[in-house]
């Protein structure tokens, strides 16, 4: 190392490296950048997983809400229909009670069919779709985590390892 004081009182340090030291220094900097790139991809994946979990949770909430609403409406209509048939009405005729009972029963049946159809045909399918996406992304994440940890510990990563790391995320399954 050479130190030189100039007329402007600045200190200049000149470091001379051998060719091997220079290559090692460059390789270590390249490996550091590759490791940081892998780390960014892992963080991006974690963020995406958190988003998918949130969406899946919302579909679960919608699924449960529709179940509760459908059950409540059906229960209330069934209860009213039963009470109307058990307790005689001084105001309504027997025929009017039968018509009202038939209407309430029909509405209860339609409500049940609509709620269950929505649950089976829409919310459950969407919830299952997000569960599958989460499972697939978690598999990719865990595979890549091994590459990332190896690179972090070794402080070296080859082009082949880096390509394999990114190819795992680009796979469709």
Foldseek 3Di string as FASTA:
>chain_A
DDWDQDPVRDTDDDDDDDPVVVVVVVQLVVLVVLLVVLVVVLVVLVVVLVVLVVVLVVLVVVLVVLVVVLVVLLVVLVVVLVVPVVDDDPVDDPVVNVVSSVVSNVVNVVSNCVSVCCNVPPSVVVSVVSVVVSVLSVVLSVVLVVLSVVCVVVSGDDPVSSVVNVVSVVDPD
